[in-house]
Amino acid sequence: MADNADNTPPERGFFPALLGGAVAGTSVDIALFPLDTIKTRLQSAHGFFKAGGFRGIYSGLSAAAAGSAPGGALFFSTYETSKKLIGVVAPNKKHSPLVHMAAAASGEMAACLVRTPTEIVKQRMQTGVYKALPEAINAIRTAEGIAGFYRGYWSMIAREIPFSFIQFPLWEGLKCEVSLTISFINSVPMVKEAERPRLLAS
């Protein structure tokens, strides 16, 4: 197996990032949806129990699921593409945390084009304003137009980007550390094949 010259993990292509982001986004949103519903109802101006309490904690799941795959796909495909483009312009800085921060910001701005409308629809369903996805979409479009689906876009950007500024440089740094460890173990000829899993685990 050939090692990378700089001992860094290979970058993902556009389509693997697209697919991986879609699967990851959907899995996380579905798994954590009940907690998200409880959080939304706790923040409701009408109070937790008037907003639904613990009843129907999967209300709005259809809206979240509809946006999870395209939102995750947009984020990771934009993130990986941005890293590559910045690496072409500034090859000596391609593994800098600043590059990862800039790429993450680009990814969030793209993903929030999908996340914002689905978040608005989802929250109104979670708090009992609407019962069904088509009803929610039609009501918002009729009352507020297309702009109604993007109310709060910049607020969401302001919330998500600082989180990604921390998350993705840490993620990339951990990937490099793991890659260095694997490369070191594979380069030591005296390490027996049976011993490698134990060393990696430690």
N, C-alpha and C. Protein backbone atom coordinates (compact mmCIF):
# COMPACT_ATOMS: atom_id res chain seq x y z
N MET A 1 0.84 -1.20 0.00
CA MET A 1 0.00 0.00 0.00
C MET A 1 0.87 1.24 0.00
N ALA A 2 0.65 2.14 -0.95
CA ALA A 2 1.46 3.35 -1.05
C ALA A 2 1.02 4.36 -0.04
N ASP A 3 2.00 5.04 0.59
CA ASP A 3 1.69 6.10 1.54
C ASP A 3 1.64 7.43 0.83
N ASN A 4 0.87 8.37 1.40
CA ASN A 4 0.89 9.73 0.90
C ASN A 4 2.23 10.36 1.26
N ALA A 5 2.70 11.22 0.39
CA ALA A 5 4.01 11.83 0.61
C ALA A 5 4.05 12.63 1.90
N ASP A 6 2.92 13.28 2.26
CA ASP A 6 2.90 14.10 3.46
C ASP A 6 2.16 13.43 4.61
N ASN A 7 1.91 12.12 4.47
CA ASN A 7 1.24 11.35 5.51
C ASN A 7 -0.12 11.91 5.91
N THR A 8 -0.83 12.46 4.97
CA THR A 8 -2.18 12.95 5.22
C THR A 8 -3.18 12.06 4.53
N PRO A 9 -4.40 11.95 5.06
CA PRO A 9 -5.39 11.08 4.45
C PRO A 9 -5.74 11.56 3.05
N PRO A 10 -6.06 10.66 2.12
CA PRO A 10 -6.45 11.08 0.78
C PRO A 10 -7.76 11.86 0.82
N GLU A 11 -7.86 12.87 -0.04
CA GLU A 11 -9.07 13.67 -0.09
C GLU A 11 -10.17 12.92 -0.82
N ARG A 12 -11.40 13.11 -0.35
CA ARG A 12 -12.53 12.46 -1.01
C ARG A 12 -12.90 13.21 -2.28
N GLY A 13 -13.39 12.47 -3.26
CA GLY A 13 -13.89 13.09 -4.48
C GLY A 13 -15.25 13.72 -4.26
N PHE A 14 -15.76 14.38 -5.30
CA PHE A 14 -17.03 15.09 -5.20
C PHE A 14 -18.18 14.14 -4.89
N PHE A 15 -18.29 13.06 -5.64
CA PHE A 15 -19.45 12.17 -5.48
C PHE A 15 -19.40 11.35 -4.18
N PRO A 16 -18.24 10.84 -3.74
CA PRO A 16 -18.22 10.21 -2.41
C PRO A 16 -18.62 11.17 -1.30
N ALA A 17 -18.17 12.44 -1.40
CA ALA A 17 -18.55 13.44 -0.40
C ALA A 17 -20.05 13.72 -0.46
N LEU A 18 -20.59 13.77 -1.68
CA LEU A 18 -22.02 14.01 -1.88
C LEU A 18 -22.84 12.90 -1.22
N LEU A 19 -22.48 11.66 -1.52
CA LEU A 19 -23.21 10.51 -0.99
C LEU A 19 -23.02 10.36 0.52
N GLY A 20 -21.77 10.50 0.96
CA GLY A 20 -21.49 10.38 2.39
C GLY A 20 -22.21 11.44 3.21
N GLY A 21 -22.24 12.67 2.70
CA GLY A 21 -22.95 13.74 3.39
C GLY A 21 -24.43 13.49 3.47
N ALA A 22 -25.00 12.97 2.39
CA ALA A 22 -26.44 12.68 2.36
C ALA A 22 -26.80 11.61 3.39
N VAL A 23 -26.02 10.54 3.43
CA VAL A 23 -26.30 9.44 4.37
C VAL A 23 -26.09 9.90 5.82
N ALA A 24 -24.99 10.61 6.06
CA ALA A 24 -24.69 11.07 7.43
C ALA A 24 -25.74 12.06 7.92
N GLY A 25 -26.11 13.02 7.06
CA GLY A 25 -27.10 14.02 7.46
C GLY A 25 -28.44 13.41 7.81
N THR A 26 -28.88 12.47 6.98
CA THR A 26 -30.17 11.81 7.23
C THR A 26 -30.13 10.98 8.50
N SER A 27 -29.07 10.23 8.70
CA SER A 27 -28.95 9.36 9.88
C SER A 27 -28.97 10.16 11.17
N VAL A 28 -28.19 11.23 11.21
CA VAL A 28 -28.10 12.05 12.43
C VAL A 28 -29.43 12.73 12.72
N ASP A 29 -30.05 13.33 11.71
CA ASP A 29 -31.29 14.05 11.94
C ASP A 29 -32.42 13.14 12.41
N ILE A 30 -32.50 11.95 11.85
CA ILE A 30 -33.55 11.02 12.26
C ILE A 30 -33.29 10.51 13.68
N ALA A 31 -32.04 10.19 13.99
CA ALA A 31 -31.70 9.65 15.31
C ALA A 31 -31.95 10.67 16.43
N LEU A 32 -31.65 11.93 16.17
CA LEU A 32 -31.76 12.96 17.21
C LEU A 32 -33.05 13.76 17.14
N PHE A 33 -33.96 13.39 16.25
CA PHE A 33 -35.16 14.20 16.04
C PHE A 33 -36.00 14.39 17.31
N PRO A 34 -36.24 13.35 18.13
CA PRO A 34 -37.05 13.58 19.34
C PRO A 34 -36.46 14.65 20.26
N LEU A 35 -35.13 14.66 20.41
CA LEU A 35 -34.49 15.69 21.24
C LEU A 35 -34.67 17.07 20.63
N ASP A 36 -34.59 17.15 19.31
CA ASP A 36 -34.78 18.43 18.62
C ASP A 36 -36.21 18.94 18.82
N THR A 37 -37.18 18.04 18.79
CA THR A 37 -38.58 18.43 19.01
C THR A 37 -38.76 18.99 20.41
N ILE A 38 -38.21 18.30 21.40
CA ILE A 38 -38.32 18.77 22.79
C ILE A 38 -37.67 20.13 22.95
N LYS A 39 -36.49 20.32 22.34
CA LYS A 39 -35.81 21.62 22.41
C LYS A 39 -36.66 22.72 21.80
N THR A 40 -37.24 22.45 20.63
CA THR A 40 -38.07 23.45 19.94
C THR A 40 -39.28 23.82 20.78
N ARG A 41 -39.91 22.84 21.41
CA ARG A 41 -41.09 23.12 22.23
C ARG A 41 -40.73 23.86 23.51
N LEU A 42 -39.57 23.58 24.07
CA LEU A 42 -39.12 24.32 25.24
C LEU A 42 -38.89 25.80 24.91
N GLN A 43 -38.48 26.07 23.67
CA GLN A 43 -38.22 27.44 23.23
C GLN A 43 -39.47 28.16 22.73
N SER A 44 -40.58 27.44 22.62
CA SER A 44 -41.81 28.02 22.08
C SER A 44 -42.34 29.13 22.98
N ALA A 45 -42.83 30.20 22.36
CA ALA A 45 -43.42 31.31 23.11
C ALA A 45 -44.69 30.90 23.83
N HIS A 46 -45.34 29.85 23.37
CA HIS A 46 -46.59 29.38 23.99
C HIS A 46 -46.34 28.47 25.19
N GLY A 47 -45.08 28.11 25.43
CA GLY A 47 -44.77 27.20 26.52
C GLY A 47 -44.68 25.76 26.05
N PHE A 48 -43.96 24.97 26.80
CA PHE A 48 -43.65 23.59 26.39
C PHE A 48 -44.90 22.74 26.19
N PHE A 49 -45.80 22.74 27.17
CA PHE A 49 -46.95 21.84 27.09
C PHE A 49 -47.99 22.32 26.08
N LYS A 50 -48.17 23.63 25.94
CA LYS A 50 -49.10 24.13 24.93
C LYS A 50 -48.59 23.86 23.52
N ALA A 51 -47.27 23.78 23.38
CA ALA A 51 -46.67 23.49 22.07
C ALA A 51 -46.70 22.00 21.75
N GLY A 52 -47.15 21.18 22.70
CA GLY A 52 -47.26 19.75 22.44
C GLY A 52 -46.69 18.86 23.51
N GLY A 53 -45.83 19.42 24.38
CA GLY A 53 -45.23 18.62 25.44
C GLY A 53 -44.45 17.44 24.88
N PHE A 54 -44.70 16.27 25.44
CA PHE A 54 -44.02 15.06 24.99
C PHE A 54 -44.84 14.28 23.96
N ARG A 55 -45.97 14.85 23.55
CA ARG A 55 -46.83 14.16 22.58
C ARG A 55 -46.33 14.40 21.16
N GLY A 56 -46.40 13.38 20.35
CA GLY A 56 -46.06 13.52 18.93
C GLY A 56 -44.67 14.07 18.69
N ILE A 57 -43.68 13.47 19.36
CA ILE A 57 -42.33 14.03 19.25
C ILE A 57 -41.70 13.78 17.88
N TYR A 58 -42.38 13.03 17.03
CA TYR A 58 -41.89 12.86 15.66
C TYR A 58 -42.64 13.75 14.67
N SER A 59 -43.45 14.69 15.17
CA SER A 59 -44.12 15.64 14.28
C SER A 59 -43.07 16.50 13.57
N GLY A 60 -43.15 16.56 12.26
CA GLY A 60 -42.17 17.32 11.49
C GLY A 60 -41.01 16.50 10.98
N LEU A 61 -41.02 15.19 11.29
CA LEU A 61 -39.92 14.33 10.81
C LEU A 61 -39.85 14.30 9.29
N SER A 62 -41.00 14.35 8.63
CA SER A 62 -41.00 14.31 7.16
C SER A 62 -40.27 15.52 6.58
N ALA A 63 -40.46 16.69 7.19
CA ALA A 63 -39.77 17.90 6.72
C ALA A 63 -38.27 17.79 6.96
N ALA A 64 -37.89 17.29 8.14
CA ALA A 64 -36.46 17.14 8.45
C ALA A 64 -35.81 16.14 7.51
N ALA A 65 -36.49 15.01 7.29
CA ALA A 65 -35.93 13.97 6.42
C ALA A 65 -35.79 14.47 4.98
N ALA A 66 -36.75 15.29 4.54
CA ALA A 66 -36.70 15.81 3.17
C ALA A 66 -35.50 16.73 2.96
N GLY A 67 -35.07 17.41 4.02
CA GLY A 67 -33.94 18.33 3.89
C GLY A 67 -32.61 17.76 4.30
N SER A 68 -32.62 16.64 5.04
CA SER A 68 -31.37 16.10 5.59
C SER A 68 -30.40 15.65 4.50
N ALA A 69 -30.88 14.84 3.57
CA ALA A 69 -30.00 14.30 2.54
C ALA A 69 -29.43 15.39 1.64
N PRO A 70 -30.27 16.27 1.05
CA PRO A 70 -29.69 17.32 0.21
C PRO A 70 -28.83 18.31 0.99
N GLY A 71 -29.22 18.60 2.25
CA GLY A 71 -28.43 19.52 3.06
C GLY A 71 -27.05 18.96 3.37
N GLY A 72 -27.00 17.70 3.82
CA GLY A 72 -25.72 17.06 4.10
C GLY A 72 -24.88 16.89 2.85
N ALA A 73 -25.53 16.53 1.75
CA ALA A 73 -24.80 16.36 0.48
C ALA A 73 -24.20 17.68 0.02
N LEU A 74 -24.99 18.76 0.11
CA LEU A 74 -24.49 20.08 -0.29
C LEU A 74 -23.32 20.52 0.57
N PHE A 75 -23.43 20.28 1.88
CA PHE A 75 -22.35 20.72 2.77
C PHE A 75 -21.04 20.03 2.43
N PHE A 76 -21.04 18.70 2.42
CA PHE A 76 -19.78 17.98 2.27
C PHE A 76 -19.20 18.07 0.87
N SER A 77 -20.05 18.12 -0.15
CA SER A 77 -19.52 18.28 -1.51
C SER A 77 -18.91 19.67 -1.68
N THR A 78 -19.55 20.70 -1.11
CA THR A 78 -19.00 22.06 -1.17
C THR A 78 -17.73 22.16 -0.34
N TYR A 79 -17.72 21.53 0.82
CA TYR A 79 -16.55 21.55 1.70
C TYR A 79 -15.33 20.94 1.02
N GLU A 80 -15.49 19.74 0.46
CA GLU A 80 -14.37 19.07 -0.19
C GLU A 80 -13.91 19.83 -1.44
N THR A 81 -14.87 20.34 -2.22
CA THR A 81 -14.52 21.09 -3.43
C THR A 81 -13.79 22.37 -3.07
N SER A 82 -14.25 23.07 -2.02
CA SER A 82 -13.60 24.31 -1.59
C SER A 82 -12.17 24.05 -1.13
N LYS A 83 -11.96 22.96 -0.39
CA LYS A 83 -10.60 22.62 0.04
C LYS A 83 -9.67 22.43 -1.15
N LYS A 84 -10.17 21.73 -2.17
CA LYS A 84 -9.35 21.47 -3.36
C LYS A 84 -9.04 22.76 -4.11
N LEU A 85 -10.04 23.62 -4.27
CA LEU A 85 -9.83 24.88 -4.98
C LEU A 85 -8.84 25.77 -4.25
N ILE A 86 -8.97 25.85 -2.93
CA ILE A 86 -8.02 26.66 -2.16
C ILE A 86 -6.63 26.04 -2.24
N GLY A 87 -6.55 24.70 -2.26
CA GLY A 87 -5.27 24.02 -2.37
C GLY A 87 -4.57 24.30 -3.68
N VAL A 88 -5.34 24.51 -4.75
CA VAL A 88 -4.75 24.85 -6.05
C VAL A 88 -4.17 26.26 -6.02
N VAL A 89 -4.90 27.19 -5.39
CA VAL A 89 -4.46 28.59 -5.32
C VAL A 89 -3.28 28.74 -4.36
N ALA A 90 -3.36 28.05 -3.21
CA ALA A 90 -2.30 28.16 -2.19
C ALA A 90 -1.90 26.76 -1.74
N PRO A 91 -1.11 26.04 -2.56
CA PRO A 91 -0.77 24.64 -2.24
C PRO A 91 -0.03 24.45 -0.92
N ASN A 92 0.73 25.46 -0.50
CA ASN A 92 1.48 25.34 0.75
C ASN A 92 0.58 25.47 1.98
N LYS A 93 -0.64 25.94 1.78
CA LYS A 93 -1.56 26.16 2.90
C LYS A 93 -2.73 25.17 2.91
N LYS A 94 -2.69 24.15 2.05
CA LYS A 94 -3.86 23.29 1.86
C LYS A 94 -4.28 22.55 3.12
N HIS A 95 -3.35 22.34 4.08
CA HIS A 95 -3.70 21.64 5.31
C HIS A 95 -3.79 22.59 6.50
N SER A 96 -3.85 23.89 6.21
CA SER A 96 -3.97 24.88 7.28
C SER A 96 -5.37 24.88 7.88
N PRO A 97 -5.51 25.07 9.19
CA PRO A 97 -6.84 25.20 9.80
C PRO A 97 -7.67 26.32 9.18
N LEU A 98 -7.00 27.38 8.70
CA LEU A 98 -7.73 28.48 8.07
C LEU A 98 -8.41 28.02 6.78
N VAL A 99 -7.77 27.11 6.06
CA VAL A 99 -8.39 26.56 4.84
C VAL A 99 -9.62 25.74 5.21
N HIS A 100 -9.51 24.94 6.25
CA HIS A 100 -10.65 24.12 6.69
C HIS A 100 -11.79 25.01 7.19
N MET A 101 -11.45 26.11 7.84
CA MET A 101 -12.48 27.04 8.31
C MET A 101 -13.19 27.70 7.14
N ALA A 102 -12.42 28.13 6.14
CA ALA A 102 -13.02 28.76 4.96
C ALA A 102 -13.89 27.78 4.19
N ALA A 103 -13.41 26.55 4.05
CA ALA A 103 -14.19 25.53 3.34
C ALA A 103 -15.47 25.19 4.09
N ALA A 104 -15.38 25.12 5.42
CA ALA A 104 -16.56 24.83 6.23
C ALA A 104 -17.59 25.96 6.12
N ALA A 105 -17.11 27.21 6.09
CA ALA A 105 -18.03 28.34 5.94
C ALA A 105 -18.75 28.27 4.60
N SER A 106 -18.02 27.92 3.54
CA SER A 106 -18.64 27.77 2.22
C SER A 106 -19.68 26.66 2.24
N GLY A 107 -19.34 25.55 2.90
CA GLY A 107 -20.27 24.44 3.00
C GLY A 107 -21.54 24.80 3.74
N GLU A 108 -21.41 25.55 4.82
CA GLU A 108 -22.59 25.96 5.59
C GLU A 108 -23.48 26.90 4.78
N MET A 109 -22.89 27.82 4.04
CA MET A 109 -23.69 28.76 3.25
C MET A 109 -24.48 28.03 2.17
N ALA A 110 -23.87 27.00 1.59
CA ALA A 110 -24.58 26.20 0.59
C ALA A 110 -25.66 25.34 1.23
N ALA A 111 -25.31 24.66 2.33
CA ALA A 111 -26.26 23.74 2.97
C ALA A 111 -27.47 24.47 3.54
N CYS A 112 -27.27 25.68 4.03
CA CYS A 112 -28.38 26.43 4.63
C CYS A 112 -29.41 26.88 3.61
N LEU A 113 -29.07 26.82 2.33
CA LEU A 113 -30.08 27.07 1.29
C LEU A 113 -31.17 26.00 1.33
N VAL A 114 -30.80 24.82 1.80
CA VAL A 114 -31.77 23.73 1.96
C VAL A 114 -32.27 23.65 3.40
N ARG A 115 -31.36 23.83 4.35
CA ARG A 115 -31.72 23.66 5.76
C ARG A 115 -32.73 24.69 6.24
N THR A 116 -32.60 25.94 5.78
CA THR A 116 -33.48 27.00 6.30
C THR A 116 -34.95 26.73 6.00
N PRO A 117 -35.33 26.44 4.75
CA PRO A 117 -36.75 26.14 4.49
C PRO A 117 -37.25 24.93 5.27
N THR A 118 -36.44 23.87 5.31
CA THR A 118 -36.90 22.67 6.02
C THR A 118 -36.98 22.91 7.52
N GLU A 119 -36.09 23.75 8.05
CA GLU A 119 -36.13 24.07 9.48
C GLU A 119 -37.39 24.84 9.83
N ILE A 120 -37.77 25.79 8.97
CA ILE A 120 -38.98 26.57 9.22
C ILE A 120 -40.21 25.68 9.21
N VAL A 121 -40.32 24.83 8.20
CA VAL A 121 -41.47 23.93 8.10
C VAL A 121 -41.47 22.95 9.27
N LYS A 122 -40.31 22.40 9.58
CA LYS A 122 -40.19 21.40 10.65
C LYS A 122 -40.61 21.99 12.00
N GLN A 123 -40.13 23.19 12.32
CA GLN A 123 -40.43 23.79 13.62
C GLN A 123 -41.92 24.09 13.77
N ARG A 124 -42.56 24.52 12.69
CA ARG A 124 -44.00 24.81 12.79
C ARG A 124 -44.81 23.53 12.94
N MET A 125 -44.32 22.45 12.37
CA MET A 125 -44.99 21.17 12.57
C MET A 125 -44.73 20.64 13.97
N GLN A 126 -43.53 20.86 14.48
CA GLN A 126 -43.19 20.38 15.82
C GLN A 126 -44.03 21.06 16.90
N THR A 127 -44.35 22.34 16.68
CA THR A 127 -45.12 23.09 17.67
C THR A 127 -46.62 23.02 17.42
N GLY A 128 -47.04 22.20 16.46
CA GLY A 128 -48.46 21.95 16.25
C GLY A 128 -49.18 22.96 15.38
N VAL A 129 -48.44 23.89 14.76
CA VAL A 129 -49.09 24.87 13.89
C VAL A 129 -49.70 24.18 12.68
N TYR A 130 -48.96 23.22 12.12
CA TYR A 130 -49.45 22.43 10.98
C TYR A 130 -49.26 20.96 11.29
N LYS A 131 -50.12 20.14 10.73
CA LYS A 131 -50.09 18.70 11.00
C LYS A 131 -49.39 17.90 9.90
N ALA A 132 -49.43 18.39 8.68
CA ALA A 132 -48.90 17.63 7.55
C ALA A 132 -47.95 18.49 6.73
N LEU A 133 -46.97 17.85 6.09
CA LEU A 133 -45.96 18.56 5.31
C LEU A 133 -46.56 19.37 4.17
N PRO A 134 -47.45 18.81 3.33
CA PRO A 134 -48.03 19.62 2.24
C PRO A 134 -48.81 20.82 2.75
N GLU A 135 -49.53 20.63 3.86
CA GLU A 135 -50.29 21.73 4.46
C GLU A 135 -49.37 22.86 4.88
N ALA A 136 -48.25 22.50 5.53
CA ALA A 136 -47.31 23.51 6.01
C ALA A 136 -46.69 24.28 4.84
N ILE A 137 -46.26 23.56 3.81
CA ILE A 137 -45.62 24.20 2.66
C ILE A 137 -46.59 25.15 1.96
N ASN A 138 -47.81 24.69 1.72
CA ASN A 138 -48.80 25.52 1.03
C ASN A 138 -49.18 26.75 1.84
N ALA A 139 -49.33 26.58 3.16
CA ALA A 139 -49.72 27.71 4.01
C ALA A 139 -48.63 28.77 4.07
N ILE A 140 -47.39 28.36 4.22
CA ILE A 140 -46.28 29.32 4.28
C ILE A 140 -46.12 30.02 2.94
N ARG A 141 -46.21 29.28 1.85
CA ARG A 141 -46.07 29.88 0.52
C ARG A 141 -47.19 30.88 0.26
N THR A 142 -48.41 30.55 0.65
CA THR A 142 -49.55 31.44 0.43
C THR A 142 -49.46 32.71 1.27
N ALA A 143 -49.07 32.55 2.53
CA ALA A 143 -49.05 33.69 3.45
C ALA A 143 -47.81 34.56 3.29
N GLU A 144 -46.67 33.97 3.00
CA GLU A 144 -45.41 34.71 3.03
C GLU A 144 -44.62 34.67 1.73
N GLY A 145 -45.04 33.84 0.78
CA GLY A 145 -44.29 33.72 -0.46
C GLY A 145 -43.02 32.91 -0.26
N ILE A 146 -42.20 32.87 -1.30
CA ILE A 146 -40.94 32.11 -1.24
C ILE A 146 -40.02 32.67 -0.16
N ALA A 147 -40.06 34.00 0.04
CA ALA A 147 -39.20 34.62 1.05
C ALA A 147 -39.48 34.08 2.44
N GLY A 148 -40.71 33.63 2.67
CA GLY A 148 -41.06 33.09 3.98
C GLY A 148 -40.26 31.85 4.34
N PHE A 149 -39.83 31.10 3.34
CA PHE A 149 -39.05 29.90 3.60
C PHE A 149 -37.59 30.22 3.95
N TYR A 150 -37.17 31.45 3.66
CA TYR A 150 -35.77 31.82 3.92
C TYR A 150 -35.65 32.86 5.02
N ARG A 151 -36.73 33.07 5.76
CA ARG A 151 -36.67 33.96 6.91
C ARG A 151 -35.75 33.32 7.96
N GLY A 152 -34.72 34.02 8.33
CA GLY A 152 -33.78 33.48 9.31
C GLY A 152 -32.56 32.81 8.70
N TYR A 153 -32.39 32.94 7.36
CA TYR A 153 -31.23 32.32 6.71
C TYR A 153 -29.91 32.82 7.31
N TRP A 154 -29.78 34.14 7.44
CA TRP A 154 -28.53 34.70 7.94
C TRP A 154 -28.33 34.39 9.42
N SER A 155 -29.42 34.28 10.16
CA SER A 155 -29.31 33.89 11.57
C SER A 155 -28.78 32.46 11.69
N MET A 156 -29.26 31.60 10.80
CA MET A 156 -28.78 30.22 10.82
C MET A 156 -27.31 30.15 10.43
N ILE A 157 -26.92 30.94 9.43
CA ILE A 157 -25.51 31.01 9.03
C ILE A 157 -24.65 31.46 10.22
N ALA A 158 -25.12 32.50 10.92
CA ALA A 158 -24.36 33.03 12.06
C ALA A 158 -24.24 32.01 13.18
N ARG A 159 -25.22 31.10 13.29
CA ARG A 159 -25.16 30.06 14.31
C ARG A 159 -24.26 28.90 13.89
N GLU A 160 -24.34 28.49 12.63
CA GLU A 160 -23.66 27.28 12.18
C GLU A 160 -22.17 27.48 11.91
N ILE A 161 -21.79 28.63 11.35
CA ILE A 161 -20.39 28.82 10.95
C ILE A 161 -19.42 28.78 12.13
N PRO A 162 -19.69 29.47 13.26
CA PRO A 162 -18.75 29.36 14.38
C PRO A 162 -18.56 27.92 14.86
N PHE A 163 -19.63 27.15 14.87
CA PHE A 163 -19.54 25.74 15.26
C PHE A 163 -18.61 24.98 14.30
N SER A 164 -18.78 25.21 13.00
CA SER A 164 -17.95 24.53 12.00
C SER A 164 -16.50 25.00 12.04
N PHE A 165 -16.28 26.27 12.44
CA PHE A 165 -14.92 26.78 12.58
C PHE A 165 -14.13 25.97 13.61
N ILE A 166 -14.81 25.45 14.61
CA ILE A 166 -14.16 24.63 15.63
C ILE A 166 -14.12 23.16 15.21
N GLN A 167 -15.25 22.67 14.71
CA GLN A 167 -15.40 21.24 14.43
C GLN A 167 -14.46 20.73 13.35
N PHE A 168 -14.40 21.43 12.21
CA PHE A 168 -13.70 20.84 11.07
C PHE A 168 -12.18 20.94 11.13
N PRO A 169 -11.58 22.02 11.65
CA PRO A 169 -10.13 21.95 11.88
C PRO A 169 -9.74 20.84 12.85
N LEU A 170 -10.57 20.63 13.90
CA LEU A 170 -10.30 19.53 14.83
C LEU A 170 -10.42 18.18 14.14
N TRP A 171 -11.47 18.03 13.32
CA TRP A 171 -11.69 16.78 12.59
C TRP A 171 -10.53 16.48 11.64
N GLU A 172 -10.08 17.50 10.91
CA GLU A 172 -8.98 17.31 9.97
C GLU A 172 -7.68 17.01 10.71
N GLY A 173 -7.48 17.66 11.85
CA GLY A 173 -6.28 17.39 12.64
C GLY A 173 -6.25 15.97 13.17
N LEU A 174 -7.40 15.49 13.65
CA LEU A 174 -7.48 14.11 14.14
C LEU A 174 -7.26 13.11 13.01
N LYS A 175 -7.80 13.41 11.82
CA LYS A 175 -7.57 12.51 10.67
C LYS A 175 -6.08 12.40 10.37
N CYS A 176 -5.37 13.52 10.42
CA CYS A 176 -3.93 13.50 10.14
C CYS A 176 -3.17 12.70 11.19
N GLU A 177 -3.57 12.86 12.47
CA GLU A 177 -2.90 12.11 13.53
C GLU A 177 -3.10 10.60 13.36
N VAL A 178 -4.32 10.20 13.03
CA VAL A 178 -4.61 8.78 12.81
C VAL A 178 -3.82 8.26 11.62
N SER A 179 -3.75 9.07 10.55
CA SER A 179 -3.01 8.67 9.35
C SER A 179 -1.52 8.50 9.65
N LEU A 180 -0.96 9.41 10.46
CA LEU A 180 0.45 9.31 10.84
C LEU A 180 0.71 8.05 11.66
N THR A 181 -0.21 7.75 12.58
CA THR A 181 -0.05 6.56 13.42
C THR A 181 -0.08 5.29 12.58
N ILE A 182 -1.03 5.21 11.66
CA ILE A 182 -1.14 4.04 10.79
C ILE A 182 0.10 3.90 9.91
N SER A 183 0.57 5.03 9.36
CA SER A 183 1.76 5.00 8.50
C SER A 183 2.98 4.53 9.28
N PHE A 184 3.10 5.00 10.53
CA PHE A 184 4.25 4.60 11.35
C PHE A 184 4.22 3.10 11.63
N ILE A 185 3.07 2.59 12.04
CA ILE A 185 2.95 1.16 12.36
C ILE A 185 3.22 0.30 11.13
N ASN A 186 2.70 0.74 9.98
CA ASN A 186 2.91 -0.03 8.75
C ASN A 186 4.36 0.02 8.27
N SER A 187 5.11 1.04 8.72
CA SER A 187 6.49 1.19 8.25
C SER A 187 7.49 0.42 9.12
N VAL A 188 7.04 -0.08 10.27
CA VAL A 188 7.95 -0.81 11.16
C VAL A 188 7.94 -2.29 10.78
N PRO A 189 9.02 -2.79 10.18
CA PRO A 189 9.02 -4.18 9.67
C PRO A 189 8.91 -5.23 10.76
N MET A 190 9.36 -4.90 11.98
CA MET A 190 9.38 -5.92 13.03
C MET A 190 8.01 -6.11 13.69
N VAL A 191 7.09 -5.22 13.40
CA VAL A 191 5.75 -5.36 13.99
C VAL A 191 5.01 -6.47 13.27
N LYS A 192 4.66 -7.49 14.01
CA LYS A 192 3.96 -8.62 13.41
C LYS A 192 2.54 -8.22 13.04
N GLU A 193 2.02 -8.89 12.04
CA GLU A 193 0.67 -8.60 11.56
C GLU A 193 -0.36 -8.72 12.68
N ALA A 194 -0.18 -9.72 13.55
CA ALA A 194 -1.14 -9.94 14.63
C ALA A 194 -1.09 -8.84 15.69
N GLU A 195 0.05 -8.12 15.77
CA GLU A 195 0.21 -7.09 16.79
C GLU A 195 -0.36 -5.74 16.35
N ARG A 196 -0.56 -5.54 15.05
CA ARG A 196 -0.96 -4.23 14.56
C ARG A 196 -2.32 -3.75 15.08
N PRO A 197 -3.34 -4.60 15.13
CA PRO A 197 -4.62 -4.13 15.68
C PRO A 197 -4.50 -3.65 17.12
N ARG A 198 -3.67 -4.35 17.93
CA ARG A 198 -3.50 -3.95 19.33
C ARG A 198 -2.81 -2.60 19.43
N LEU A 199 -1.79 -2.36 18.60
CA LEU A 199 -1.08 -1.09 18.62
C LEU A 199 -1.98 0.05 18.15
N LEU A 200 -2.77 -0.20 17.12
CA LEU A 200 -3.68 0.82 16.62
C LEU A 200 -4.72 1.18 17.68
N ALA A 201 -5.20 0.18 18.41
CA ALA A 201 -6.21 0.43 19.43
C ALA A 201 -5.66 1.24 20.59
N SER A 202 -4.35 1.10 20.83
CA SER A 202 -3.75 1.82 21.94
C SER A 202 -3.40 3.25 21.56
